[in-house]
Amino acid sequence: ESLIRIRETLDQKGITRFNSIGDINKFIKNYNNEKEET
């Protein structure tokens, strides 16, 4: 159920870049690096 709700929330917010919880955790962990790389 939690996975369903996560997917629904992401879809409602228009966020398509995450395919798994691992993707979300990786994004949070590497946020500052991604900002610099961007």
Full PDB file with SEQRES, HELIX, SHEET, SSBOND, CRYST1, ORIGX, SCALE, CONECT and MASTER records, all heavy atoms in Angstrom:
SEQRES   1 A   38  GLU SER LEU ILE ARG ILE ARG GLU THR LEU ASP GLN LYS          
SEQRES   2 A   38  GLY ILE THR ARG PHE ASN SER ILE GLY ASP ILE ASN LYS          
SEQRES   3 A   38  PHE ILE LYS ASN TYR ASN ASN GLU LYS GLU GLU THR              
HELIX    1 AA1 SER A    2  GLN A   12  1                                  11    
HELIX    2 AA2 ILE A   21  LYS A   29  1                                   9    
HELIX    3 AA3 TYR A   31  GLU A   37  1                                   7    
CRYST1    1.000    1.000    1.000  90.00  90.00  90.00 P 1           1          
ORIGX1      1.000000  0.000000  0.000000        0.00000                         
ORIGX2      0.000000  1.000000  0.000000        0.00000                         
ORIGX3      0.000000  0.000000  1.000000        0.00000                         
SCALE1      1.000000  0.000000  0.000000        0.00000                         
SCALE2      0.000000  1.000000  0.000000        0.00000                         
SCALE3      0.000000  0.000000  1.000000        0.00000                         
ATOM      1  N   GLU A   1       0.816  -1.229   0.000  1.00  0.00           N  
ATOM      2  CA  GLU A   1       0.000   0.000   0.000  1.00  0.00           C  
ATOM      3  C   GLU A   1       0.841   1.265   0.000  1.00  0.00           C  
ATOM      4  O   GLU A   1       0.530   2.232  -0.703  1.00  0.00           O  
ATOM      5  CB  GLU A   1      -0.928  -0.030   1.222  1.00  0.00           C  
ATOM      6  CG  GLU A   1      -1.950   1.094   1.270  1.00  0.00           C  
ATOM      7  CD  GLU A   1      -1.537   2.237   2.178  1.00  0.00           C  
ATOM      8  OE1 GLU A   1      -0.558   2.073   2.937  1.00  0.00           O  
ATOM      9  OE2 GLU A   1      -2.193   3.291   2.113  1.00  0.00           O  
ATOM     10  N   SER A   2       1.927   1.289   0.767  1.00  0.00           N  
ATOM     11  CA  SER A   2       2.775   2.485   0.824  1.00  0.00           C  
ATOM     12  C   SER A   2       3.384   2.803  -0.538  1.00  0.00           C  
ATOM     13  O   SER A   2       3.507   3.965  -0.913  1.00  0.00           O  
ATOM     14  CB  SER A   2       3.889   2.296   1.856  1.00  0.00           C  
ATOM     15  OG  SER A   2       3.353   2.148   3.144  1.00  0.00           O  
ATOM     16  N   LEU A   3       3.758   1.759  -1.271  1.00  0.00           N  
ATOM     17  CA  LEU A   3       4.315   1.968  -2.611  1.00  0.00           C  
ATOM     18  C   LEU A   3       3.279   2.578  -3.545  1.00  0.00           C  
ATOM     19  O   LEU A   3       3.598   3.448  -4.365  1.00  0.00           O  
ATOM     20  CB  LEU A   3       4.822   0.645  -3.181  1.00  0.00           C  
ATOM     21  CG  LEU A   3       6.063   0.034  -2.526  1.00  0.00           C  
ATOM     22  CD1 LEU A   3       6.368  -1.324  -3.129  1.00  0.00           C  
ATOM     23  CD2 LEU A   3       7.263   0.959  -2.675  1.00  0.00           C  
ATOM     24  N   ILE A   4       2.034   2.104  -3.426  1.00  0.00           N  
ATOM     25  CA  ILE A   4       0.950   2.650  -4.246  1.00  0.00           C  
ATOM     26  C   ILE A   4       0.755   4.127  -3.942  1.00  0.00           C  
ATOM     27  O   ILE A   4       0.635   4.960  -4.848  1.00  0.00           O  
ATOM     28  CB  ILE A   4      -0.361   1.871  -4.004  1.00  0.00           C  
ATOM     29  CG1 ILE A   4      -0.201   0.406  -4.450  1.00  0.00           C  
ATOM     30  CG2 ILE A   4      -1.523   2.533  -4.736  1.00  0.00           C  
ATOM     31  CD1 ILE A   4      -1.372  -0.476  -4.080  1.00  0.00           C  
ATOM     32  N   ARG A   5       0.730   4.471  -2.656  1.00  0.00           N  
ATOM     33  CA  ARG A   5       0.513   5.869  -2.259  1.00  0.00           C  
ATOM     34  C   ARG A   5       1.675   6.761  -2.691  1.00  0.00           C  
ATOM     35  O   ARG A   5       1.480   7.915  -3.085  1.00  0.00           O  
ATOM     36  CB  ARG A   5       0.304   5.950  -0.749  1.00  0.00           C  
ATOM     37  CG  ARG A   5      -1.041   5.379  -0.304  1.00  0.00           C  
ATOM     38  CD  ARG A   5      -1.168   5.370   1.199  1.00  0.00           C  
ATOM     39  NE  ARG A   5      -1.058   6.707   1.767  1.00  0.00           N  
ATOM     40  CZ  ARG A   5      -0.937   6.964   3.065  1.00  0.00           C  
ATOM     41  NH1 ARG A   5      -0.887   5.945   3.923  1.00  0.00           N  
ATOM     42  NH2 ARG A   5      -0.844   8.200   3.512  1.00  0.00           N  
ATOM     43  N   ILE A   6       2.898   6.229  -2.626  1.00  0.00           N  
ATOM     44  CA  ILE A   6       4.066   6.997  -3.089  1.00  0.00           C  
ATOM     45  C   ILE A   6       3.935   7.290  -4.576  1.00  0.00           C  
ATOM     46  O   ILE A   6       4.144   8.423  -5.024  1.00  0.00           O  
ATOM     47  CB  ILE A   6       5.367   6.221  -2.797  1.00  0.00           C  
ATOM     48  CG1 ILE A   6       5.659   6.224  -1.293  1.00  0.00           C  
ATOM     49  CG2 ILE A   6       6.553   6.850  -3.546  1.00  0.00           C  
ATOM     50  CD1 ILE A   6       6.793   5.303  -0.890  1.00  0.00           C  
ATOM     51  N   ARG A   7       3.586   6.269  -5.362  1.00  0.00           N  
ATOM     52  CA  ARG A   7       3.428   6.451  -6.804  1.00  0.00           C  
ATOM     53  C   ARG A   7       2.311   7.436  -7.116  1.00  0.00           C  
ATOM     54  O   ARG A   7       2.458   8.300  -8.001  1.00  0.00           O  
ATOM     55  CB  ARG A   7       3.134   5.102  -7.450  1.00  0.00           C  
ATOM     56  CG  ARG A   7       3.049   5.109  -8.976  1.00  0.00           C  
ATOM     57  CD  ARG A   7       4.415   5.273  -9.603  1.00  0.00           C  
ATOM     58  NE  ARG A   7       4.751   6.672  -9.851  1.00  0.00           N  
ATOM     59  CZ  ARG A   7       5.972   7.085 -10.122  1.00  0.00           C  
ATOM     60  NH1 ARG A   7       6.967   6.232 -10.130  1.00  0.00           N  
ATOM     61  NH2 ARG A   7       6.226   8.362 -10.358  1.00  0.00           N  
ATOM     62  N   GLU A   8       1.198   7.321  -6.403  1.00  0.00           N  
ATOM     63  CA  GLU A   8       0.070   8.244  -6.617  1.00  0.00           C  
ATOM     64  C   GLU A   8       0.475   9.681  -6.307  1.00  0.00           C  
ATOM     65  O   GLU A   8       0.131  10.609  -7.054  1.00  0.00           O  
ATOM     66  CB  GLU A   8      -1.117   7.829  -5.748  1.00  0.00           C  
ATOM     67  CG  GLU A   8      -1.822   6.568  -6.221  1.00  0.00           C  
ATOM     68  CD  GLU A   8      -2.930   6.132  -5.272  1.00  0.00           C  
ATOM     69  OE1 GLU A   8      -2.971   6.674  -4.137  1.00  0.00           O  
ATOM     70  OE2 GLU A   8      -3.736   5.265  -5.647  1.00  0.00           O  
ATOM     71  N   THR A   9       1.199   9.873  -5.203  1.00  0.00           N  
ATOM     72  CA  THR A   9       1.648  11.222  -4.825  1.00  0.00           C  
ATOM     73  C   THR A   9       2.578  11.802  -5.882  1.00  0.00           C  
ATOM     74  O   THR A   9       2.436  12.961  -6.280  1.00  0.00           O  
ATOM     75  CB  THR A   9       2.371  11.183  -3.463  1.00  0.00           C  
ATOM     76  OG1 THR A   9       1.492  10.663  -2.474  1.00  0.00           O  
ATOM     77  CG2 THR A   9       2.826  12.582  -3.056  1.00  0.00           C  
ATOM     78  N   LEU A  10       3.522  11.004  -6.348  1.00  0.00           N  
ATOM     79  CA  LEU A  10       4.463  11.471  -7.366  1.00  0.00           C  
ATOM     80  C   LEU A  10       3.731  11.825  -8.658  1.00  0.00           C  
ATOM     81  O   LEU A  10       4.035  12.845  -9.306  1.00  0.00           O  
ATOM     82  CB  LEU A  10       5.527  10.411  -7.636  1.00  0.00           C  
ATOM     83  CG  LEU A  10       6.518  10.131  -6.494  1.00  0.00           C  
ATOM     84  CD1 LEU A  10       7.408   8.950  -6.837  1.00  0.00           C  
ATOM     85  CD2 LEU A  10       7.374  11.365  -6.201  1.00  0.00           C  
ATOM     86  N   ASP A  11       2.760  11.004  -9.037  1.00  0.00           N  
ATOM     87  CA  ASP A  11       1.987  11.288 -10.258  1.00  0.00           C  
ATOM     88  C   ASP A  11       1.185  12.572 -10.106  1.00  0.00           C  
ATOM     89  O   ASP A  11       1.114  13.388 -11.030  1.00  0.00           O  
ATOM     90  CB  ASP A  11       1.048  10.117 -10.568  1.00  0.00           C  
ATOM     91  CG  ASP A  11       1.802   8.877 -11.039  1.00  0.00           C  
ATOM     92  OD1 ASP A  11       2.975   9.016 -11.444  1.00  0.00           O  
ATOM     93  OD2 ASP A  11       1.224   7.779 -11.002  1.00  0.00           O  
ATOM     94  N   GLN A  12       0.569  12.755  -8.941  1.00  0.00           N  
ATOM     95  CA  GLN A  12      -0.211  13.969  -8.689  1.00  0.00           C  
ATOM     96  C   GLN A  12       0.664  15.218  -8.730  1.00  0.00           C  
ATOM     97  O   GLN A  12       0.236  16.283  -9.185  1.00  0.00           O  
ATOM     98  CB  GLN A  12      -0.916  13.875  -7.335  1.00  0.00           C  
ATOM     99  CG  GLN A  12      -2.050  12.859  -7.291  1.00  0.00           C  
ATOM    100  CD  GLN A  12      -2.565  12.615  -5.884  1.00  0.00           C  
ATOM    101  OE1 GLN A  12      -2.099  13.229  -4.917  1.00  0.00           O  
ATOM    102  NE2 GLN A  12      -3.533  11.719  -5.750  1.00  0.00           N  
ATOM    103  N   LYS A  13       1.906  15.079  -8.260  1.00  0.00           N  
ATOM    104  CA  LYS A  13       2.842  16.209  -8.240  1.00  0.00           C  
ATOM    105  C   LYS A  13       3.580  16.374  -9.565  1.00  0.00           C  
ATOM    106  O   LYS A  13       4.376  17.304  -9.716  1.00  0.00           O  
ATOM    107  CB  LYS A  13       3.865  16.022  -7.116  1.00  0.00           C  
ATOM    108  CG  LYS A  13       3.266  15.922  -5.717  1.00  0.00           C  
ATOM    109  CD  LYS A  13       2.615  17.218  -5.284  1.00  0.00           C  
ATOM    110  CE  LYS A  13       2.115  17.133  -3.844  1.00  0.00           C  
ATOM    111  NZ  LYS A  13       1.493  18.399  -3.387  1.00  0.00           N  
ATOM    112  N   GLY A  14       3.318  15.490 -10.527  1.00  0.00           N  
ATOM    113  CA  GLY A  14       3.949  15.607 -11.835  1.00  0.00           C  
ATOM    114  C   GLY A  14       5.419  15.229 -11.847  1.00  0.00           C  
ATOM    115  O   GLY A  14       6.176  15.722 -12.688  1.00  0.00           O  
ATOM    116  N   ILE A  15       5.831  14.345 -10.942  1.00  0.00           N  
ATOM    117  CA  ILE A  15       7.235  13.930 -10.866  1.00  0.00           C  
ATOM    118  C   ILE A  15       7.360  12.525 -11.437  1.00  0.00           C  
ATOM    119  O   ILE A  15       6.765  11.580 -10.923  1.00  0.00           O  
ATOM    120  CB  ILE A  15       7.744  13.963  -9.419  1.00  0.00           C  
ATOM    121  CG1 ILE A  15       7.654  15.401  -8.868  1.00  0.00           C  
ATOM    122  CG2 ILE A  15       9.182  13.450  -9.323  1.00  0.00           C  
ATOM    123  CD1 ILE A  15       7.963  15.515  -7.394  1.00  0.00           C  
ATOM    124  N   THR A  16       8.145  12.378 -12.503  1.00  0.00           N  
ATOM    125  CA  THR A  16       8.257  11.091 -13.198  1.00  0.00           C  
ATOM    126  C   THR A  16       9.661  10.498 -13.131  1.00  0.00           C  
ATOM    127  O   THR A  16       9.889   9.421 -13.665  1.00  0.00           O  
ATOM    128  CB  THR A  16       7.865  11.258 -14.676  1.00  0.00           C  
ATOM    129  OG1 THR A  16       8.730  12.240 -15.290  1.00  0.00           O  
ATOM    130  CG2 THR A  16       6.417  11.722 -14.811  1.00  0.00           C  
ATOM    131  N   ARG A  17      10.593  11.158 -12.471  1.00  0.00           N  
ATOM    132  CA  ARG A  17      11.985  10.716 -12.510  1.00  0.00           C  
ATOM    133  C   ARG A  17      12.282   9.527 -11.594  1.00  0.00           C  
ATOM    134  O   ARG A  17      13.316   8.895 -11.725  1.00  0.00           O  
ATOM    135  CB  ARG A  17      12.927  11.867 -12.150  1.00  0.00           C  
ATOM    136  CG  ARG A  17      12.798  12.397 -10.745  1.00  0.00           C  
ATOM    137  CD  ARG A  17      13.843  13.468 -10.444  1.00  0.00           C  
ATOM    138  NE  ARG A  17      15.177  12.903 -10.309  1.00  0.00           N  
ATOM    139  CZ  ARG A  17      16.282  13.631 -10.277  1.00  0.00           C  
ATOM    140  NH1 ARG A  17      16.202  14.946 -10.398  1.00  0.00           N  
ATOM    141  NH2 ARG A  17      17.456  13.064 -10.132  1.00  0.00           N  
ATOM    142  N   PHE A  18      11.376   9.215 -10.666  1.00  0.00           N  
ATOM    143  CA  PHE A  18      11.638   8.142  -9.706  1.00  0.00           C  
ATOM    144  C   PHE A  18      10.901   6.864 -10.105  1.00  0.00           C  
ATOM    145  O   PHE A  18       9.693   6.896 -10.361  1.00  0.00           O  
ATOM    146  CB  PHE A  18      11.196   8.552  -8.302  1.00  0.00           C  
ATOM    147  CG  PHE A  18      11.866   9.796  -7.784  1.00  0.00           C  
ATOM    148  CD1 PHE A  18      11.120  10.840  -7.246  1.00  0.00           C  
ATOM    149  CD2 PHE A  18      13.236   9.927  -7.844  1.00  0.00           C  
ATOM    150  CE1 PHE A  18      11.730  11.991  -6.768  1.00  0.00           C  
ATOM    151  CE2 PHE A  18      13.873  11.073  -7.368  1.00  0.00           C  
ATOM    152  CZ  PHE A  18      13.112  12.097  -6.835  1.00  0.00           C  
ATOM    153  N   ASN A  19      11.636   5.753 -10.141  1.00  0.00           N  
ATOM    154  CA  ASN A  19      11.038   4.458 -10.430  1.00  0.00           C  
ATOM    155  C   ASN A  19      11.075   3.523  -9.234  1.00  0.00           C  
ATOM    156  O   ASN A  19      10.543   2.409  -9.299  1.00  0.00           O  
ATOM    157  CB  ASN A  19      11.752   3.792 -11.607  1.00  0.00           C  
ATOM    158  CG  ASN A  19      11.556   4.561 -12.906  1.00  0.00           C  
ATOM    159  OD1 ASN A  19      10.440   4.946 -13.234  1.00  0.00           O  
ATOM    160  ND2 ASN A  19      12.625   4.788 -13.632  1.00  0.00           N  
ATOM    161  N   SER A  20      11.705   3.957  -8.165  1.00  0.00           N  
ATOM    162  CA  SER A  20      11.804   3.115  -6.977  1.00  0.00           C  
ATOM    163  C   SER A  20      12.116   3.985  -5.764  1.00  0.00           C  
ATOM    164  O   SER A  20      12.488   5.162  -5.898  1.00  0.00           O  
ATOM    165  CB  SER A  20      12.907   2.067  -7.154  1.00  0.00           C  
ATOM    166  OG  SER A  20      14.181   2.699  -7.213  1.00  0.00           O  
ATOM    167  N   ILE A  21      11.981   3.389  -4.581  1.00  0.00           N  
ATOM    168  CA  ILE A  21      12.362   4.087  -3.351  1.00  0.00           C  
ATOM    169  C   ILE A  21      13.848   4.391  -3.364  1.00  0.00           C  
ATOM    170  O   ILE A  21      14.291   5.441  -2.888  1.00  0.00           O  
ATOM    171  CB  ILE A  21      11.979   3.240  -2.122  1.00  0.00           C  
ATOM    172  CG1 ILE A  21      10.453   3.182  -1.988  1.00  0.00           C  
ATOM    173  CG2 ILE A  21      12.589   3.810  -0.845  1.00  0.00           C  
ATOM    174  CD1 ILE A  21       9.970   2.274  -0.878  1.00  0.00           C  
ATOM    175  N   GLY A  22      14.614   3.463  -3.942  1.00  0.00           N  
ATOM    176  CA  GLY A  22      16.059   3.688  -4.055  1.00  0.00           C  
ATOM    177  C   GLY A  22      16.383   4.945  -4.834  1.00  0.00           C  
ATOM    178  O   GLY A  22      17.310   5.686  -4.474  1.00  0.00           O  
ATOM    179  N   ASP A  23      15.606   5.216  -5.891  1.00  0.00           N  
ATOM    180  CA  ASP A  23      15.812   6.439  -6.676  1.00  0.00           C  
ATOM    181  C   ASP A  23      15.564   7.684  -5.823  1.00  0.00           C  
ATOM    182  O   ASP A  23      16.291   8.673  -5.924  1.00  0.00           O  
ATOM    183  CB  ASP A  23      14.863   6.455  -7.885  1.00  0.00           C  
ATOM    184  CG  ASP A  23      15.270   5.459  -8.956  1.00  0.00           C  
ATOM    185  OD1 ASP A  23      16.414   4.966  -8.893  1.00  0.00           O  
ATOM    186  OD2 ASP A  23      14.452   5.181  -9.841  1.00  0.00           O  
ATOM    187  N   ILE A  24      14.523   7.634  -4.997  1.00  0.00           N  
ATOM    188  CA  ILE A  24      14.188   8.783  -4.149  1.00  0.00           C  
ATOM    189  C   ILE A  24      15.288   9.017  -3.115  1.00  0.00           C  
ATOM    190  O   ILE A  24      15.755  10.148  -2.929  1.00  0.00           O  
ATOM    191  CB  ILE A  24      12.832   8.558  -3.441  1.00  0.00           C  
ATOM    192  CG1 ILE A  24      11.710   8.429  -4.479  1.00  0.00           C  
ATOM    193  CG2 ILE A  24      12.532   9.713  -2.480  1.00  0.00           C  
ATOM    194  CD1 ILE A  24      10.364   8.067  -3.883  1.00  0.00           C  
ATOM    195  N   ASN A  25      15.711   7.946  -2.459  1.00  0.00           N  
ATOM    196  CA  ASN A  25      16.765   8.076  -1.438  1.00  0.00           C  
ATOM    197  C   ASN A  25      18.080   8.551  -2.060  1.00  0.00           C  
ATOM    198  O   ASN A  25      18.812   9.346  -1.461  1.00  0.00           O  
ATOM    199  CB  ASN A  25      16.967   6.742  -0.728  1.00  0.00           C  
ATOM    200  CG  ASN A  25      15.802   6.384   0.182  1.00  0.00           C  
ATOM    201  OD1 ASN A  25      15.103   7.275   0.676  1.00  0.00           O  
ATOM    202  ND2 ASN A  25      15.571   5.107   0.401  1.00  0.00           N  
ATOM    203  N   LYS A  26      18.383   8.061  -3.247  1.00  0.00           N  
ATOM    204  CA  LYS A  26      19.603   8.474  -3.936  1.00  0.00           C  
ATOM    205  C   LYS A  26      19.543   9.969  -4.284  1.00  0.00           C  
ATOM    206  O   LYS A  26      20.533  10.689  -4.156  1.00  0.00           O  
ATOM    207  CB  LYS A  26      19.786   7.645  -5.210  1.00  0.00           C  
ATOM    208  CG  LYS A  26      21.080   7.930  -5.955  1.00  0.00           C  
ATOM    209  CD  LYS A  26      21.201   7.017  -7.176  1.00  0.00           C  
ATOM    210  CE  LYS A  26      22.497   7.337  -7.940  1.00  0.00           C  
ATOM    211  NZ  LYS A  26      22.614   6.471  -9.155  1.00  0.00           N  
ATOM    212  N   PHE A  27      18.370  10.433  -4.705  1.00  0.00           N  
ATOM    213  CA  PHE A  27      18.201  11.852  -5.035  1.00  0.00           C  
ATOM    214  C   PHE A  27      18.436  12.724  -3.800  1.00  0.00           C  
ATOM    215  O   PHE A  27      19.146  13.732  -3.860  1.00  0.00           O  
ATOM    216  CB  PHE A  27      16.799  12.096  -5.591  1.00  0.00           C  
ATOM    217  CG  PHE A  27      16.428  13.554  -5.696  1.00  0.00           C  
ATOM    218  CD1 PHE A  27      16.889  14.331  -6.739  1.00  0.00           C  
ATOM    219  CD2 PHE A  27      15.621  14.152  -4.728  1.00  0.00           C  
ATOM    220  CE1 PHE A  27      16.567  15.680  -6.834  1.00  0.00           C  
ATOM    221  CE2 PHE A  27      15.292  15.491  -4.807  1.00  0.00           C  
ATOM    222  CZ  PHE A  27      15.768  16.260  -5.869  1.00  0.00           C  
ATOM    223  N   ILE A  28      17.818  12.337  -2.681  1.00  0.00           N  
ATOM    224  CA  ILE A  28      17.973  13.111  -1.442  1.00  0.00           C  
ATOM    225  C   ILE A  28      19.436  13.125  -0.999  1.00  0.00           C  
ATOM    226  O   ILE A  28      19.979  14.167  -0.616  1.00  0.00           O  
ATOM    227  CB  ILE A  28      17.071  12.538  -0.334  1.00  0.00           C  
ATOM    228  CG1 ILE A  28      15.587  12.748  -0.702  1.00  0.00           C  
ATOM    229  CG2 ILE A  28      17.379  13.190   1.013  1.00  0.00           C  
ATOM    230  CD1 ILE A  28      14.621  12.068   0.241  1.00  0.00           C  
ATOM    231  N   LYS A  29      20.073  11.968  -1.059  1.00  0.00           N  
ATOM    232  CA  LYS A  29      21.469  11.850  -0.630  1.00  0.00           C  
ATOM    233  C   LYS A  29      22.392  12.691  -1.507  1.00  0.00           C  
ATOM    234  O   LYS A  29      23.340  13.327  -1.014  1.00  0.00           O  
ATOM    235  CB  LYS A  29      21.892  10.381  -0.667  1.00  0.00           C  
ATOM    236  CG  LYS A  29      23.326  10.137  -0.228  1.00  0.00           C  
ATOM    237  CD  LYS A  29      23.660   8.655  -0.293  1.00  0.00           C  
ATOM    238  CE  LYS A  29      25.116   8.409   0.108  1.00  0.00           C  
ATOM    239  NZ  LYS A  29      25.462   6.963   0.025  1.00  0.00           N  
ATOM    240  N   ASN A  30      22.146  12.708  -2.806  1.00  0.00           N  
ATOM    241  CA  ASN A  30      23.041  13.378  -3.756  1.00  0.00           C  
ATOM    242  C   ASN A  30      22.519  14.740  -4.190  1.00  0.00           C  
ATOM    243  O   ASN A  30      22.954  15.273  -5.220  1.00  0.00           O  
ATOM    244  CB  ASN A  30      23.241  12.495  -4.996  1.00  0.00           C  
ATOM    245  CG  ASN A  30      23.902  11.182  -4.676  1.00  0.00           C  
ATOM    246  OD1 ASN A  30      24.743  11.105  -3.781  1.00  0.00           O  
ATOM    247  ND2 ASN A  30      23.528  10.130  -5.386  1.00  0.00           N  
ATOM    248  N   TYR A  31      21.569  15.303  -3.426  1.00  0.00           N  
ATOM    249  CA  TYR A  31      20.925  16.549  -3.856  1.00  0.00           C  
ATOM    250  C   TYR A  31      21.927  17.672  -4.106  1.00  0.00           C  
ATOM    251  O   TYR A  31      21.897  18.325  -5.152  1.00  0.00           O  
ATOM    252  CB  TYR A  31      19.889  16.996  -2.814  1.00  0.00           C  
ATOM    253  CG  TYR A  31      19.274  18.331  -3.143  1.00  0.00           C  
ATOM    254  CD1 TYR A  31      18.332  18.453  -4.151  1.00  0.00           C  
ATOM    255  CD2 TYR A  31      19.676  19.493  -2.463  1.00  0.00           C  
ATOM    256  CE1 TYR A  31      17.778  19.679  -4.471  1.00  0.00           C  
ATOM    257  CE2 TYR A  31      19.127  20.718  -2.776  1.00  0.00           C  
ATOM    258  CZ  TYR A  31      18.177  20.810  -3.788  1.00  0.00           C  
ATOM    259  OH  TYR A  31      17.651  22.030  -4.108  1.00  0.00           O  
ATOM    260  N   ASN A  32      22.822  17.917  -3.159  1.00  0.00           N  
ATOM    261  CA  ASN A  32      23.781  19.018  -3.323  1.00  0.00           C  
ATOM    262  C   ASN A  32      24.709  18.784  -4.508  1.00  0.00           C  
ATOM    263  O   ASN A  32      25.037  19.728  -5.245  1.00  0.00           O  
ATOM    264  CB  ASN A  32      24.607  19.203  -2.039  1.00  0.00           C  
ATOM    265  CG  ASN A  32      23.784  19.787  -0.903  1.00  0.00           C  
ATOM    266  OD1 ASN A  32      22.871  20.583  -1.131  1.00  0.00           O  
ATOM    267  ND2 ASN A  32      24.069  19.382   0.321  1.00  0.00           N  
ATOM    268  N   ASN A  33      25.112  17.542  -4.704  1.00  0.00           N  
ATOM    269  CA  ASN A  33      25.958  17.229  -5.861  1.00  0.00           C  
ATOM    270  C   ASN A  33      25.207  17.457  -7.166  1.00  0.00           C  
ATOM    271  O   ASN A  33      25.769  17.992  -8.125  1.00  0.00           O  
ATOM    272  CB  ASN A  33      26.430  15.774  -5.792  1.00  0.00           C  
ATOM    273  CG  ASN A  33      27.451  15.539  -4.698  1.00  0.00           C  
ATOM    274  OD1 ASN A  33      28.134  16.469  -4.277  1.00  0.00           O  
ATOM    275  ND2 ASN A  33      27.565  14.314  -4.237  1.00  0.00           N  
ATOM    276  N   GLU A  34      23.944  17.058  -7.194  1.00  0.00           N  
ATOM    277  CA  GLU A  34      23.149  17.257  -8.415  1.00  0.00           C  
ATOM    278  C   GLU A  34      22.956  18.743  -8.696  1.00  0.00           C  
ATOM    279  O   GLU A  34      22.983  19.174  -9.849  1.00  0.00           O  
ATOM    280  CB  GLU A  34      21.791  16.564  -8.290  1.00  0.00           C  
ATOM    281  CG  GLU A  34      20.939  16.723  -9.531  1.00  0.00           C  
ATOM    282  CD  GLU A  34      19.717  15.832  -9.557  1.00  0.00           C  
ATOM    283  OE1 GLU A  34      19.659  14.876  -8.765  1.00  0.00           O  
ATOM    284  OE2 GLU A  34      18.816  16.089 -10.389  1.00  0.00           O  
ATOM    285  N   LYS A  35      22.769  19.515  -7.635  1.00  0.00           N  
ATOM    286  CA  LYS A  35      22.600  20.961  -7.811  1.00  0.00           C  
ATOM    287  C   LYS A  35      23.864  21.566  -8.439  1.00  0.00           C  
ATOM    288  O   LYS A  35      23.785  22.385  -9.358  1.00  0.00           O  
ATOM    289  CB  LYS A  35      22.310  21.600  -6.446  1.00  0.00           C  
ATOM    290  CG  LYS A  35      21.909  23.059  -6.519  1.00  0.00           C  
ATOM    291  CD  LYS A  35      21.281  23.520  -5.203  1.00  0.00           C  
ATOM    292  CE  LYS A  35      22.244  23.420  -4.044  1.00  0.00           C  
ATOM    293  NZ  LYS A  35      21.704  24.029  -2.815  1.00  0.00           N  
ATOM    294  N   GLU A  36      25.023  21.138  -7.932  1.00  0.00           N  
ATOM    295  CA  GLU A  36      26.292  21.641  -8.471  1.00  0.00           C  
ATOM    296  C   GLU A  36      26.503  21.170  -9.909  1.00  0.00           C  
ATOM    297  O   GLU A  36      26.910  21.957 -10.776  1.00  0.00           O  
ATOM    298  CB  GLU A  36      27.437  21.145  -7.584  1.00  0.00           C  
ATOM    299  CG  GLU A  36      28.802  21.697  -7.958  1.00  0.00           C  
ATOM    300  CD  GLU A  36      29.890  21.259  -6.990  1.00  0.00           C  
ATOM    301  OE1 GLU A  36      29.569  20.985  -5.818  1.00  0.00           O  
ATOM    302  OE2 GLU A  36      31.047  21.179  -7.414  1.00  0.00           O  
ATOM    303  N   GLU A  37      26.197  19.899 -10.160  1.00  0.00           N  
ATOM    304  CA  GLU A  37      26.349  19.361 -11.511  1.00  0.00           C  
ATOM    305  C   GLU A  37      25.407  20.064 -12.488  1.00  0.00           C  
ATOM    306  O   GLU A  37      25.763  20.297 -13.655  1.00  0.00           O  
ATOM    307  CB  GLU A  37      26.062  17.863 -11.502  1.00  0.00           C  
ATOM    308  CG  GLU A  37      27.154  17.034 -10.836  1.00  0.00           C  
ATOM    309  CD  GLU A  37      26.735  15.582 -10.645  1.00  0.00           C  
ATOM    310  OE1 GLU A  37      25.628  15.238 -11.090  1.00  0.00           O  
ATOM    311  OE2 GLU A  37      27.515  14.821 -10.053  1.00  0.00           O  
ATOM    312  N   THR A  38      24.223  20.404 -12.015  1.00  0.00           N  
ATOM    313  CA  THR A  38      23.249  21.104 -12.862  1.00  0.00           C  
ATOM    314  C   THR A  38      23.780  22.466 -13.282  1.00  0.00           C  
ATOM    315  O   THR A  38      23.633  22.876 -14.444  1.00  0.00           O  
ATOM    316  CB  THR A  38      21.909  21.266 -12.116  1.00  0.00           C  
ATOM    317  OG1 THR A  38      21.382  19.974 -11.823  1.00  0.00           O  
ATOM    318  CG2 THR A  38      20.909  22.041 -12.952  1.00  0.00           C  
TER     319      THR A  38                                                      
MASTER        0    0    0    3    0    0    0    6  318    1    0    3          
END                                                                             
